[in-house]
Amino acid sequence: MPTFLTSRTMSPALAGRVRASVRGQSRGRKSGSPRRRLLVAVARVAAVVLVLAVGRSFLAFRLQKSSELDHARAALRDTTRAHAASLSAPQRDVFARAAGWLATEAGPYPGDLV
């Protein structure tokens, strides 16, 4: 199979290695001892397991923090509702009175009174 990876100016040994690599041949070299292949396989599996464990830990941490935040929000909401229930009617109406006052004061400027 012809390849664009070789040129006429290349050394014949290099061109031969490139052609053999393109064809998928190893040109007589062994890929390593069985023990070395086993160590490489174990290292790859360990790397994948490590990445998965770190990802799982990160997601568990996020879930825990989200749960803590939800509990804190619920406690704050319950406290606010308890305080709001203890207010008297005039105290609850202060927001309506303030809204009317703000609407009046936000109108056009009446001018200076001298």
PDB file of N, CA and C in Angstrom:
ATOM      1  N   MET A   1       0.844  -1.163   0.000  1.00  0.00           N
ATOM      2  CA  MET A   1       0.000   0.000   0.000  1.00  0.00           C
ATOM      3  C   MET A   1       0.896   1.235   0.000  1.00  0.00           C
ATOM      4  N   PRO A   2       0.742   2.135  -0.951  1.00  0.00           N
ATOM      5  CA  PRO A   2       1.576   3.336  -0.993  1.00  0.00           C
ATOM      6  C   PRO A   2       1.158   4.295   0.128  1.00  0.00           C
ATOM      7  N   THR A   3       2.125   5.069   0.557  1.00  0.00           N
ATOM      8  CA  THR A   3       1.845   6.024   1.627  1.00  0.00           C
ATOM      9  C   THR A   3       2.523   7.354   1.328  1.00  0.00           C
ATOM     10  N   PHE A   4       1.922   8.424   1.833  1.00  0.00           N
ATOM     11  CA  PHE A   4       2.497   9.755   1.677  1.00  0.00           C
ATOM     12  C   PHE A   4       3.477  10.068   2.806  1.00  0.00           C
ATOM     13  N   LEU A   5       3.724   9.110   3.681  1.00  0.00           N
ATOM     14  CA  LEU A   5       4.596   9.334   4.827  1.00  0.00           C
ATOM     15  C   LEU A   5       6.068   9.135   4.499  1.00  0.00           C
ATOM     16  N   THR A   6       6.358   8.627   3.326  1.00  0.00           N
ATOM     17  CA  THR A   6       7.754   8.418   2.925  1.00  0.00           C
ATOM     18  C   THR A   6       8.063   9.302   1.727  1.00  0.00           C
ATOM     19  N   SER A   7       9.331   9.606   1.584  1.00  0.00           N
ATOM     20  CA  SER A   7       9.769  10.392   0.425  1.00  0.00           C
ATOM     21  C   SER A   7      11.070   9.797  -0.105  1.00  0.00           C
ATOM     22  N   ARG A   8      11.472  10.260  -1.275  1.00  0.00           N
ATOM     23  CA  ARG A   8      12.703   9.742  -1.886  1.00  0.00           C
ATOM     24  C   ARG A   8      13.941  10.156  -1.107  1.00  0.00           C
ATOM     25  N   THR A   9      13.854  11.243  -0.368  1.00  0.00           N
ATOM     26  CA  THR A   9      15.034  11.721   0.355  1.00  0.00           C
ATOM     27  C   THR A   9      15.227  11.017   1.697  1.00  0.00           C
ATOM     28  N   MET A  10      14.282  10.193   2.104  1.00  0.00           N
ATOM     29  CA  MET A  10      14.410   9.458   3.367  1.00  0.00           C
ATOM     30  C   MET A  10      15.426   8.347   3.230  1.00  0.00           C
ATOM     31  N   SER A  11      16.014   8.001   4.362  1.00  0.00           N
ATOM     32  CA  SER A  11      16.917   6.845   4.329  1.00  0.00           C
ATOM     33  C   SER A  11      16.072   5.592   4.103  1.00  0.00           C
ATOM     34  N   PRO A  12      16.625   4.608   3.384  1.00  0.00           N
ATOM     35  CA  PRO A  12      15.852   3.394   3.097  1.00  0.00           C
ATOM     36  C   PRO A  12      15.409   2.659   4.366  1.00  0.00           C
ATOM     37  N   ALA A  13      16.237   2.676   5.399  1.00  0.00           N
ATOM     38  CA  ALA A  13      15.853   1.982   6.634  1.00  0.00           C
ATOM     39  C   ALA A  13      14.632   2.646   7.273  1.00  0.00           C
ATOM     40  N   LEU A  14      14.627   3.981   7.306  1.00  0.00           N
ATOM     41  CA  LEU A  14      13.501   4.702   7.879  1.00  0.00           C
ATOM     42  C   LEU A  14      12.244   4.491   7.040  1.00  0.00           C
ATOM     43  N   ALA A  15      12.386   4.576   5.722  1.00  0.00           N
ATOM     44  CA  ALA A  15      11.236   4.360   4.841  1.00  0.00           C
ATOM     45  C   ALA A  15      10.678   2.953   5.033  1.00  0.00           C
ATOM     46  N   GLY A  16      11.549   1.966   5.202  1.00  0.00           N
ATOM     47  CA  GLY A  16      11.092   0.594   5.435  1.00  0.00           C
ATOM     48  C   GLY A  16      10.322   0.472   6.745  1.00  0.00           C
ATOM     49  N   ARG A  17      10.813   1.137   7.790  1.00  0.00           N
ATOM     50  CA  ARG A  17      10.109   1.092   9.071  1.00  0.00           C
ATOM     51  C   ARG A  17       8.747   1.780   8.977  1.00  0.00           C
ATOM     52  N   VAL A  18       8.685   2.882   8.245  1.00  0.00           N
ATOM     53  CA  VAL A  18       7.416   3.592   8.090  1.00  0.00           C
ATOM     54  C   VAL A  18       6.425   2.730   7.328  1.00  0.00           C
ATOM     55  N   ARG A  19       6.876   2.105   6.224  1.00  0.00           N
ATOM     56  CA  ARG A  19       5.983   1.239   5.440  1.00  0.00           C
ATOM     57  C   ARG A  19       5.506   0.054   6.278  1.00  0.00           C
ATOM     58  N   ALA A  20       6.410  -0.534   7.053  1.00  0.00           N
ATOM     59  CA  ALA A  20       6.024  -1.668   7.897  1.00  0.00           C
ATOM     60  C   ALA A  20       5.018  -1.226   8.960  1.00  0.00           C
ATOM     61  N   SER A  21       5.195  -0.038   9.497  1.00  0.00           N
ATOM     62  CA  SER A  21       4.266   0.466  10.498  1.00  0.00           C
ATOM     63  C   SER A  21       2.891   0.714   9.893  1.00  0.00           C
ATOM     64  N   VAL A  22       2.858   1.247   8.664  1.00  0.00           N
ATOM     65  CA  VAL A  22       1.588   1.497   7.988  1.00  0.00           C
ATOM     66  C   VAL A  22       0.867   0.181   7.707  1.00  0.00           C
ATOM     67  N   ARG A  23       1.632  -0.858   7.354  1.00  0.00           N
ATOM     68  CA  ARG A  23       1.034  -2.175   7.084  1.00  0.00           C
ATOM     69  C   ARG A  23       0.644  -2.892   8.367  1.00  0.00           C
ATOM     70  N   GLY A  24       1.107  -2.411   9.516  1.00  0.00           N
ATOM     71  CA  GLY A  24       0.780  -3.056  10.775  1.00  0.00           C
ATOM     72  C   GLY A  24       1.779  -4.114  11.174  1.00  0.00           C
ATOM     73  N   GLN A  25       2.933  -4.140  10.570  1.00  0.00           N
ATOM     74  CA  GLN A  25       3.954  -5.121  10.917  1.00  0.00           C
ATOM     75  C   GLN A  25       4.915  -4.502  11.917  1.00  0.00           C
ATOM     76  N   SER A  26       5.471  -5.349  12.783  1.00  0.00           N
ATOM     77  CA  SER A  26       6.384  -4.823  13.788  1.00  0.00           C
ATOM     78  C   SER A  26       7.843  -5.031  13.401  1.00  0.00           C
ATOM     79  N   ARG A  27       8.113  -5.598  12.263  1.00  0.00           N
ATOM     80  CA  ARG A  27       9.455  -5.838  11.731  1.00  0.00           C
ATOM     81  C   ARG A  27      10.305  -6.646  12.706  1.00  0.00           C
ATOM     82  N   GLY A  28       9.709  -7.665  13.312  1.00  0.00           N
ATOM     83  CA  GLY A  28      10.475  -8.586  14.125  1.00  0.00           C
ATOM     84  C   GLY A  28      10.652  -8.174  15.565  1.00  0.00           C
ATOM     85  N   ARG A  29      10.243  -6.975  15.926  1.00  0.00           N
ATOM     86  CA  ARG A  29      10.383  -6.558  17.318  1.00  0.00           C
ATOM     87  C   ARG A  29       9.215  -7.108  18.121  1.00  0.00           C
ATOM     88  N   LYS A  30       9.510  -7.568  19.320  1.00  0.00           N
ATOM     89  CA  LYS A  30       8.451  -8.036  20.203  1.00  0.00           C
ATOM     90  C   LYS A  30       7.924  -6.846  20.997  1.00  0.00           C
ATOM     91  N   SER A  31       6.683  -6.940  21.389  1.00  0.00           N
ATOM     92  CA  SER A  31       6.071  -5.818  22.098  1.00  0.00           C
ATOM     93  C   SER A  31       6.393  -5.825  23.579  1.00  0.00           C
ATOM     94  N   GLY A  32       7.206  -6.727  24.036  1.00  0.00           N
ATOM     95  CA  GLY A  32       7.606  -6.745  25.438  1.00  0.00           C
ATOM     96  C   GLY A  32       7.323  -8.093  26.058  1.00  0.00           C
ATOM     97  N   SER A  33       7.879  -8.295  27.210  1.00  0.00           N
ATOM     98  CA  SER A  33       7.681  -9.558  27.905  1.00  0.00           C
ATOM     99  C   SER A  33       6.252  -9.636  28.436  1.00  0.00           C
ATOM    100  N   PRO A  34       5.777 -10.844  28.701  1.00  0.00           N
ATOM    101  CA  PRO A  34       4.413 -10.979  29.236  1.00  0.00           C
ATOM    102  C   PRO A  34       4.229 -10.242  30.566  1.00  0.00           C
ATOM    103  N   ARG A  35       5.288 -10.236  31.374  1.00  0.00           N
ATOM    104  CA  ARG A  35       5.187  -9.531  32.653  1.00  0.00           C
ATOM    105  C   ARG A  35       5.021  -8.028  32.432  1.00  0.00           C
ATOM    106  N   ARG A  36       5.761  -7.477  31.476  1.00  0.00           N
ATOM    107  CA  ARG A  36       5.652  -6.042  31.182  1.00  0.00           C
ATOM    108  C   ARG A  36       4.259  -5.712  30.632  1.00  0.00           C
ATOM    109  N   ARG A  37       3.750  -6.566  29.751  1.00  0.00           N
ATOM    110  CA  ARG A  37       2.401  -6.328  29.218  1.00  0.00           C
ATOM    111  C   ARG A  37       1.365  -6.370  30.337  1.00  0.00           C
ATOM    112  N   LEU A  38       1.550  -7.304  31.279  1.00  0.00           N
ATOM    113  CA  LEU A  38       0.631  -7.402  32.411  1.00  0.00           C
ATOM    114  C   LEU A  38       0.698  -6.138  33.273  1.00  0.00           C
ATOM    115  N   LEU A  39       1.904  -5.649  33.522  1.00  0.00           N
ATOM    116  CA  LEU A  39       2.053  -4.433  34.320  1.00  0.00           C
ATOM    117  C   LEU A  39       1.409  -3.232  33.633  1.00  0.00           C
ATOM    118  N   VAL A  40       1.574  -3.144  32.319  1.00  0.00           N
ATOM    119  CA  VAL A  40       0.960  -2.036  31.574  1.00  0.00           C
ATOM    120  C   VAL A  40      -0.556  -2.143  31.647  1.00  0.00           C
ATOM    121  N   ALA A  41      -1.087  -3.360  31.499  1.00  0.00           N
ATOM    122  CA  ALA A  41      -2.538  -3.549  31.572  1.00  0.00           C
ATOM    123  C   ALA A  41      -3.063  -3.186  32.960  1.00  0.00           C
ATOM    124  N   VAL A  42      -2.356  -3.612  33.996  1.00  0.00           N
ATOM    125  CA  VAL A  42      -2.774  -3.289  35.364  1.00  0.00           C
ATOM    126  C   VAL A  42      -2.706  -1.780  35.594  1.00  0.00           C
ATOM    127  N   ALA A  43      -1.677  -1.136  35.090  1.00  0.00           N
ATOM    128  CA  ALA A  43      -1.556   0.319  35.245  1.00  0.00           C
ATOM    129  C   ALA A  43      -2.697   1.040  34.536  1.00  0.00           C
ATOM    130  N   ARG A  44      -3.069   0.561  33.362  1.00  0.00           N
ATOM    131  CA  ARG A  44      -4.180   1.191  32.636  1.00  0.00           C
ATOM    132  C   ARG A  44      -5.485   1.019  33.397  1.00  0.00           C
ATOM    133  N   VAL A  45      -5.733  -0.182  33.893  1.00  0.00           N
ATOM    134  CA  VAL A  45      -6.959  -0.428  34.657  1.00  0.00           C
ATOM    135  C   VAL A  45      -6.956   0.425  35.924  1.00  0.00           C
ATOM    136  N   ALA A  46      -5.812   0.509  36.588  1.00  0.00           N
ATOM    137  CA  ALA A  46      -5.721   1.324  37.802  1.00  0.00           C
ATOM    138  C   ALA A  46      -5.987   2.796  37.488  1.00  0.00           C
ATOM    139  N   ALA A  47      -5.493   3.271  36.355  1.00  0.00           N
ATOM    140  CA  ALA A  47      -5.727   4.669  35.976  1.00  0.00           C
ATOM    141  C   ALA A  47      -7.214   4.918  35.739  1.00  0.00           C
ATOM    142  N   VAL A  48      -7.876   3.996  35.055  1.00  0.00           N
ATOM    143  CA  VAL A  48      -9.311   4.151  34.796  1.00  0.00           C
ATOM    144  C   VAL A  48     -10.090   4.116  36.111  1.00  0.00           C
ATOM    145  N   VAL A  49      -9.739   3.181  36.990  1.00  0.00           N
ATOM    146  CA  VAL A  49     -10.421   3.081  38.282  1.00  0.00           C
ATOM    147  C   VAL A  49     -10.187   4.349  39.100  1.00  0.00           C
ATOM    148  N   LEU A  50      -8.984   4.885  39.060  1.00  0.00           N
ATOM    149  CA  LEU A  50      -8.679   6.113  39.791  1.00  0.00           C
ATOM    150  C   LEU A  50      -9.515   7.283  39.272  1.00  0.00           C
ATOM    151  N   VAL A  51      -9.615   7.409  37.963  1.00  0.00           N
ATOM    152  CA  VAL A  51     -10.411   8.496  37.382  1.00  0.00           C
ATOM    153  C   VAL A  51     -11.878   8.345  37.783  1.00  0.00           C
ATOM    154  N   LEU A  52     -12.393   7.120  37.729  1.00  0.00           N
ATOM    155  CA  LEU A  52     -13.786   6.895  38.117  1.00  0.00           C
ATOM    156  C   LEU A  52     -14.003   7.182  39.605  1.00  0.00           C
ATOM    157  N   ALA A  53     -13.054   6.794  40.442  1.00  0.00           N
ATOM    158  CA  ALA A  53     -13.181   7.038  41.882  1.00  0.00           C
ATOM    159  C   ALA A  53     -13.151   8.535  42.190  1.00  0.00           C
ATOM    160  N   VAL A  54     -12.280   9.269  41.525  1.00  0.00           N
ATOM    161  CA  VAL A  54     -12.219  10.720  41.742  1.00  0.00           C
ATOM    162  C   VAL A  54     -13.522  11.373  41.280  1.00  0.00           C
ATOM    163  N   GLY A  55     -14.041  10.947  40.140  1.00  0.00           N
ATOM    164  CA  GLY A  55     -15.311  11.488  39.653  1.00  0.00           C
ATOM    165  C   GLY A  55     -16.454  11.190  40.604  1.00  0.00           C
ATOM    166  N   ARG A  56     -16.498   9.974  41.111  1.00  0.00           N
ATOM    167  CA  ARG A  56     -17.546   9.583  42.063  1.00  0.00           C
ATOM    168  C   ARG A  56     -17.422  10.392  43.351  1.00  0.00           C
ATOM    169  N   SER A  57     -16.212  10.587  43.825  1.00  0.00           N
ATOM    170  CA  SER A  57     -16.004  11.373  45.045  1.00  0.00           C
ATOM    171  C   SER A  57     -16.460  12.817  44.848  1.00  0.00           C
ATOM    172  N   PHE A  58     -16.143  13.379  43.698  1.00  0.00           N
ATOM    173  CA  PHE A  58     -16.545  14.751  43.400  1.00  0.00           C
ATOM    174  C   PHE A  58     -18.069  14.875  43.378  1.00  0.00           C
ATOM    175  N   LEU A  59     -18.733  13.925  42.715  1.00  0.00           N
ATOM    176  CA  LEU A  59     -20.192  13.981  42.643  1.00  0.00           C
ATOM    177  C   LEU A  59     -20.825  13.767  44.017  1.00  0.00           C
ATOM    178  N   ALA A  60     -20.270  12.874  44.825  1.00  0.00           N
ATOM    179  CA  ALA A  60     -20.797  12.653  46.173  1.00  0.00           C
ATOM    180  C   ALA A  60     -20.622  13.908  47.025  1.00  0.00           C
ATOM    181  N   PHE A  61     -19.492  14.581  46.892  1.00  0.00           N
ATOM    182  CA  PHE A  61     -19.239  15.817  47.635  1.00  0.00           C
ATOM    183  C   PHE A  61     -20.249  16.892  47.244  1.00  0.00           C
ATOM    184  N   ARG A  62     -20.492  17.023  45.932  1.00  0.00           N
ATOM    185  CA  ARG A  62     -21.469  18.015  45.467  1.00  0.00           C
ATOM    186  C   ARG A  62     -22.863  17.703  45.989  1.00  0.00           C
ATOM    187  N   LEU A  63     -23.240  16.425  45.964  1.00  0.00           N
ATOM    188  CA  LEU A  63     -24.554  16.023  46.450  1.00  0.00           C
ATOM    189  C   LEU A  63     -24.693  16.315  47.943  1.00  0.00           C
ATOM    190  N   GLN A  64     -23.648  16.050  48.711  1.00  0.00           N
ATOM    191  CA  GLN A  64     -23.678  16.315  50.148  1.00  0.00           C
ATOM    192  C   GLN A  64     -23.826  17.814  50.412  1.00  0.00           C
ATOM    193  N   LYS A  65     -23.060  18.630  49.699  1.00  0.00           N
ATOM    194  CA  LYS A  65     -23.138  20.082  49.905  1.00  0.00           C
ATOM    195  C   LYS A  65     -24.507  20.620  49.483  1.00  0.00           C
ATOM    196  N   SER A  66     -25.067  20.066  48.412  1.00  0.00           N
ATOM    197  CA  SER A  66     -26.391  20.485  47.970  1.00  0.00           C
ATOM    198  C   SER A  66     -27.445  20.123  49.014  1.00  0.00           C
ATOM    199  N   SER A  67     -27.315  18.946  49.592  1.00  0.00           N
ATOM    200  CA  SER A  67     -28.249  18.520  50.635  1.00  0.00           C
ATOM    201  C   SER A  67     -28.133  19.415  51.869  1.00  0.00           C
ATOM    202  N   GLU A  68     -26.911  19.748  52.262  1.00  0.00           N
ATOM    203  CA  GLU A  68     -26.714  20.647  53.403  1.00  0.00           C
ATOM    204  C   GLU A  68     -27.324  22.017  53.134  1.00  0.00           C
ATOM    205  N   LEU A  69     -27.164  22.508  51.907  1.00  0.00           N
ATOM    206  CA  LEU A  69     -27.736  23.805  51.546  1.00  0.00           C
ATOM    207  C   LEU A  69     -29.264  23.750  51.588  1.00  0.00           C
ATOM    208  N   ASP A  70     -29.855  22.663  51.098  1.00  0.00           N
ATOM    209  CA  ASP A  70     -31.310  22.519  51.148  1.00  0.00           C
ATOM    210  C   ASP A  70     -31.817  22.502  52.588  1.00  0.00           C
ATOM    211  N   HIS A  71     -31.099  21.804  53.469  1.00  0.00           N
ATOM    212  CA  HIS A  71     -31.505  21.767  54.878  1.00  0.00           C
ATOM    213  C   HIS A  71     -31.387  23.154  55.517  1.00  0.00           C
ATOM    214  N   ALA A  72     -30.342  23.882  55.192  1.00  0.00           N
ATOM    215  CA  ALA A  72     -30.174  25.231  55.739  1.00  0.00           C
ATOM    216  C   ALA A  72     -31.277  26.159  55.231  1.00  0.00           C
ATOM    217  N   ARG A  73     -31.620  26.036  53.961  1.00  0.00           N
ATOM    218  CA  ARG A  73     -32.700  26.866  53.407  1.00  0.00           C
ATOM    219  C   ARG A  73     -34.033  26.537  54.066  1.00  0.00           C
ATOM    220  N   ALA A  74     -34.291  25.245  54.263  1.00  0.00           N
ATOM    221  CA  ALA A  74     -35.545  24.840  54.897  1.00  0.00           C
ATOM    222  C   ALA A  74     -35.622  25.368  56.328  1.00  0.00           C
ATOM    223  N   ALA A  75     -34.511  25.313  57.057  1.00  0.00           N
ATOM    224  CA  ALA A  75     -34.498  25.831  58.428  1.00  0.00           C
ATOM    225  C   ALA A  75     -34.737  27.338  58.433  1.00  0.00           C
ATOM    226  N   LEU A  76     -34.123  28.055  57.506  1.00  0.00           N
ATOM    227  CA  LEU A  76     -34.318  29.501  57.417  1.00  0.00           C
ATOM    228  C   LEU A  76     -35.766  29.832  57.056  1.00  0.00           C
ATOM    229  N   ARG A  77     -36.339  29.075  56.125  1.00  0.00           N
ATOM    230  CA  ARG A  77     -37.736  29.290  55.726  1.00  0.00           C
ATOM    231  C   ARG A  77     -38.674  29.053  56.909  1.00  0.00           C
ATOM    232  N   ASP A  78     -38.439  27.978  57.651  1.00  0.00           N
ATOM    233  CA  ASP A  78     -39.292  27.678  58.803  1.00  0.00           C
ATOM    234  C   ASP A  78     -39.172  28.755  59.878  1.00  0.00           C
ATOM    235  N   THR A  79     -37.959  29.237  60.106  1.00  0.00           N
ATOM    236  CA  THR A  79     -37.750  30.303  61.089  1.00  0.00           C
ATOM    237  C   THR A  79     -38.464  31.580  60.655  1.00  0.00           C
ATOM    238  N   THR A  80     -38.366  31.905  59.375  1.00  0.00           N
ATOM    239  CA  THR A  80     -39.014  33.109  58.854  1.00  0.00           C
ATOM    240  C   THR A  80     -40.530  33.000  58.966  1.00  0.00           C
ATOM    241  N   ARG A  81     -41.077  31.839  58.646  1.00  0.00           N
ATOM    242  CA  ARG A  81     -42.533  31.648  58.762  1.00  0.00           C
ATOM    243  C   ARG A  81     -42.981  31.732  60.222  1.00  0.00           C
ATOM    244  N   ALA A  82     -42.178  31.200  61.130  1.00  0.00           N
ATOM    245  CA  ALA A  82     -42.537  31.272  62.548  1.00  0.00           C
ATOM    246  C   ALA A  82     -42.536  32.720  63.028  1.00  0.00           C
ATOM    247  N   HIS A  83     -41.552  33.503  62.612  1.00  0.00           N
ATOM    248  CA  HIS A  83     -41.510  34.921  62.999  1.00  0.00           C
ATOM    249  C   HIS A  83     -42.656  35.690  62.347  1.00  0.00           C
ATOM    250  N   ALA A  84     -42.981  35.369  61.100  1.00  0.00           N
ATOM    251  CA  ALA A  84     -44.074  36.060  60.417  1.00  0.00           C
ATOM    252  C   ALA A  84     -45.413  35.740  61.072  1.00  0.00           C
ATOM    253  N   ALA A  85     -45.575  34.527  61.571  1.00  0.00           N
ATOM    254  CA  ALA A  85     -46.830  34.160  62.226  1.00  0.00           C
ATOM    255  C   ALA A  85     -47.007  34.895  63.553  1.00  0.00           C
ATOM    256  N   SER A  86     -45.915  35.300  64.157  1.00  0.00           N
ATOM    257  CA  SER A  86     -46.008  35.986  65.453  1.00  0.00           C
ATOM    258  C   SER A  86     -46.282  37.487  65.311  1.00  0.00           C
ATOM    259  N   LEU A  87     -46.318  38.008  64.092  1.00  0.00           N
ATOM    260  CA  LEU A  87     -46.567  39.440  63.888  1.00  0.00           C
ATOM    261  C   LEU A  87     -48.047  39.749  64.057  1.00  0.00           C
ATOM    262  N   SER A  88     -48.337  40.944  64.547  1.00  0.00           N
ATOM    263  CA  SER A  88     -49.732  41.387  64.664  1.00  0.00           C
ATOM    264  C   SER A  88     -50.191  41.923  63.310  1.00  0.00           C
ATOM    265  N   ALA A  89     -51.496  42.179  63.189  1.00  0.00           N
ATOM    266  CA  ALA A  89     -52.056  42.660  61.919  1.00  0.00           C
ATOM    267  C   ALA A  89     -51.458  44.006  61.506  1.00  0.00           C
ATOM    268  N   PRO A  90     -51.322  44.985  62.400  1.00  0.00           N
ATOM    269  CA  PRO A  90     -50.718  46.262  61.978  1.00  0.00           C
ATOM    270  C   PRO A  90     -49.260  46.102  61.532  1.00  0.00           C
ATOM    271  N   GLN A  91     -48.561  45.178  62.180  1.00  0.00           N
ATOM    272  CA  GLN A  91     -47.170  44.957  61.771  1.00  0.00           C
ATOM    273  C   GLN A  91     -47.094  44.323  60.379  1.00  0.00           C
ATOM    274  N   ARG A  92     -48.060  43.461  60.060  1.00  0.00           N
ATOM    275  CA  ARG A  92     -48.061  42.840  58.727  1.00  0.00           C
ATOM    276  C   ARG A  92     -48.463  43.842  57.647  1.00  0.00           C
ATOM    277  N   ASP A  93     -49.271  44.848  58.010  1.00  0.00           N
ATOM    278  CA  ASP A  93     -49.744  45.824  57.025  1.00  0.00           C
ATOM    279  C   ASP A  93     -48.726  46.914  56.735  1.00  0.00           C
ATOM    280  N   VAL A  94     -47.596  46.924  57.421  1.00  0.00           N
ATOM    281  CA  VAL A  94     -46.611  47.977  57.220  1.00  0.00           C
ATOM    282  C   VAL A  94     -46.081  47.967  55.784  1.00  0.00           C
ATOM    283  N   PHE A  95     -45.991  46.809  55.154  1.00  0.00           N
ATOM    284  CA  PHE A  95     -45.492  46.757  53.775  1.00  0.00           C
ATOM    285  C   PHE A  95     -46.482  47.390  52.802  1.00  0.00           C
ATOM    286  N   ALA A  96     -47.772  47.187  53.028  1.00  0.00           N
ATOM    287  CA  ALA A  96     -48.779  47.809  52.163  1.00  0.00           C
ATOM    288  C   ALA A  96     -48.745  49.327  52.324  1.00  0.00           C
ATOM    289  N   ARG A  97     -48.622  49.794  53.574  1.00  0.00           N
ATOM    290  CA  ARG A  97     -48.534  51.249  53.800  1.00  0.00           C
ATOM    291  C   ARG A  97     -47.275  51.821  53.164  1.00  0.00           C
ATOM    292  N   ALA A  98     -46.163  51.117  53.280  1.00  0.00           N
ATOM    293  CA  ALA A  98     -44.908  51.601  52.700  1.00  0.00           C
ATOM    294  C   ALA A  98     -44.991  51.617  51.178  1.00  0.00           C
ATOM    295  N   ALA A  99     -45.655  50.636  50.583  1.00  0.00           N
ATOM    296  CA  ALA A  99     -45.784  50.608  49.125  1.00  0.00           C
ATOM    297  C   ALA A  99     -46.590  51.811  48.642  1.00  0.00           C
ATOM    298  N   GLY A 100     -47.658  52.160  49.344  1.00  0.00           N
ATOM    299  CA  GLY A 100     -48.442  53.345  48.974  1.00  0.00           C
ATOM    300  C   GLY A 100     -47.629  54.620  49.118  1.00  0.00           C
ATOM    301  N   TRP A 101     -46.873  54.718  50.194  1.00  0.00           N
ATOM    302  CA  TRP A 101     -46.035  55.898  50.418  1.00  0.00           C
ATOM    303  C   TRP A 101     -44.968  56.012  49.338  1.00  0.00           C
ATOM    304  N   LEU A 102     -44.339  54.888  48.980  1.00  0.00           N
ATOM    305  CA  LEU A 102     -43.311  54.905  47.933  1.00  0.00           C
ATOM    306  C   LEU A 102     -43.902  55.297  46.582  1.00  0.00           C
ATOM    307  N   ALA A 103     -45.118  54.833  46.282  1.00  0.00           N
ATOM    308  CA  ALA A 103     -45.756  55.200  45.014  1.00  0.00           C
ATOM    309  C   ALA A 103     -46.022  56.699  44.963  1.00  0.00           C
ATOM    310  N   THR A 104     -46.431  57.271  46.080  1.00  0.00           N
ATOM    311  CA  THR A 104     -46.688  58.712  46.133  1.00  0.00           C
ATOM    312  C   THR A 104     -45.392  59.500  45.963  1.00  0.00           C
ATOM    313  N   GLU A 105     -44.372  59.098  46.683  1.00  0.00           N
ATOM    314  CA  GLU A 105     -43.104  59.824  46.646  1.00  0.00           C
ATOM    315  C   GLU A 105     -42.329  59.601  45.350  1.00  0.00           C
ATOM    316  N   ALA A 106     -42.631  58.555  44.624  1.00  0.00           N
ATOM    317  CA  ALA A 106     -41.917  58.289  43.380  1.00  0.00           C
ATOM    318  C   ALA A 106     -42.515  59.065  42.209  1.00  0.00           C
ATOM    319  N   GLY A 107     -43.569  59.820  42.459  1.00  0.00           N
ATOM    320  CA  GLY A 107     -44.209  60.599  41.405  1.00  0.00           C
ATOM    321  C   GLY A 107     -43.364  61.796  40.997  1.00  0.00           C
ATOM    322  N   PRO A 108     -43.930  62.680  40.186  1.00  0.00           N
ATOM    323  CA  PRO A 108     -43.181  63.858  39.724  1.00  0.00           C
ATOM    324  C   PRO A 108     -42.862  64.796  40.893  1.00  0.00           C
ATOM    325  N   TYR A 109     -41.786  65.497  40.739  1.00  0.00           N
ATOM    326  CA  TYR A 109     -41.307  66.414  41.776  1.00  0.00           C
ATOM    327  C   TYR A 109     -42.260  67.606  41.856  1.00  0.00           C
ATOM    328  N   PRO A 110     -42.823  67.876  43.050  1.00  0.00           N
ATOM    329  CA  PRO A 110     -43.806  68.964  43.142  1.00  0.00           C
ATOM    330  C   PRO A 110     -43.180  70.355  43.176  1.00  0.00           C
ATOM    331  N   GLY A 111     -41.912  70.418  43.329  1.00  0.00           N
ATOM    332  CA  GLY A 111     -41.248  71.717  43.388  1.00  0.00           C
ATOM    333  C   GLY A 111     -40.902  72.073  44.818  1.00  0.00           C
ATOM    334  N   ASP A 112     -40.173  73.173  44.961  1.00  0.00           N
ATOM    335  CA  ASP A 112     -39.780  73.616  46.297  1.00  0.00           C
ATOM    336  C   ASP A 112     -40.907  74.425  46.921  1.00  0.00           C
ATOM    337  N   LEU A 113     -41.100  74.205  48.198  1.00  0.00           N
ATOM    338  CA  LEU A 113     -42.075  75.005  48.937  1.00  0.00           C
ATOM    339  C   LEU A 113     -41.303  76.056  49.722  1.00  0.00           C
ATOM    340  N   VAL A 114     -41.583  77.315  49.394  1.00  0.00           N
ATOM    341  CA  VAL A 114     -40.869  78.395  50.065  1.00  0.00           C
ATOM    342  C   VAL A 114     -41.818  79.170  50.923  1.00  0.00           C
TER     343      VAL A 114
END
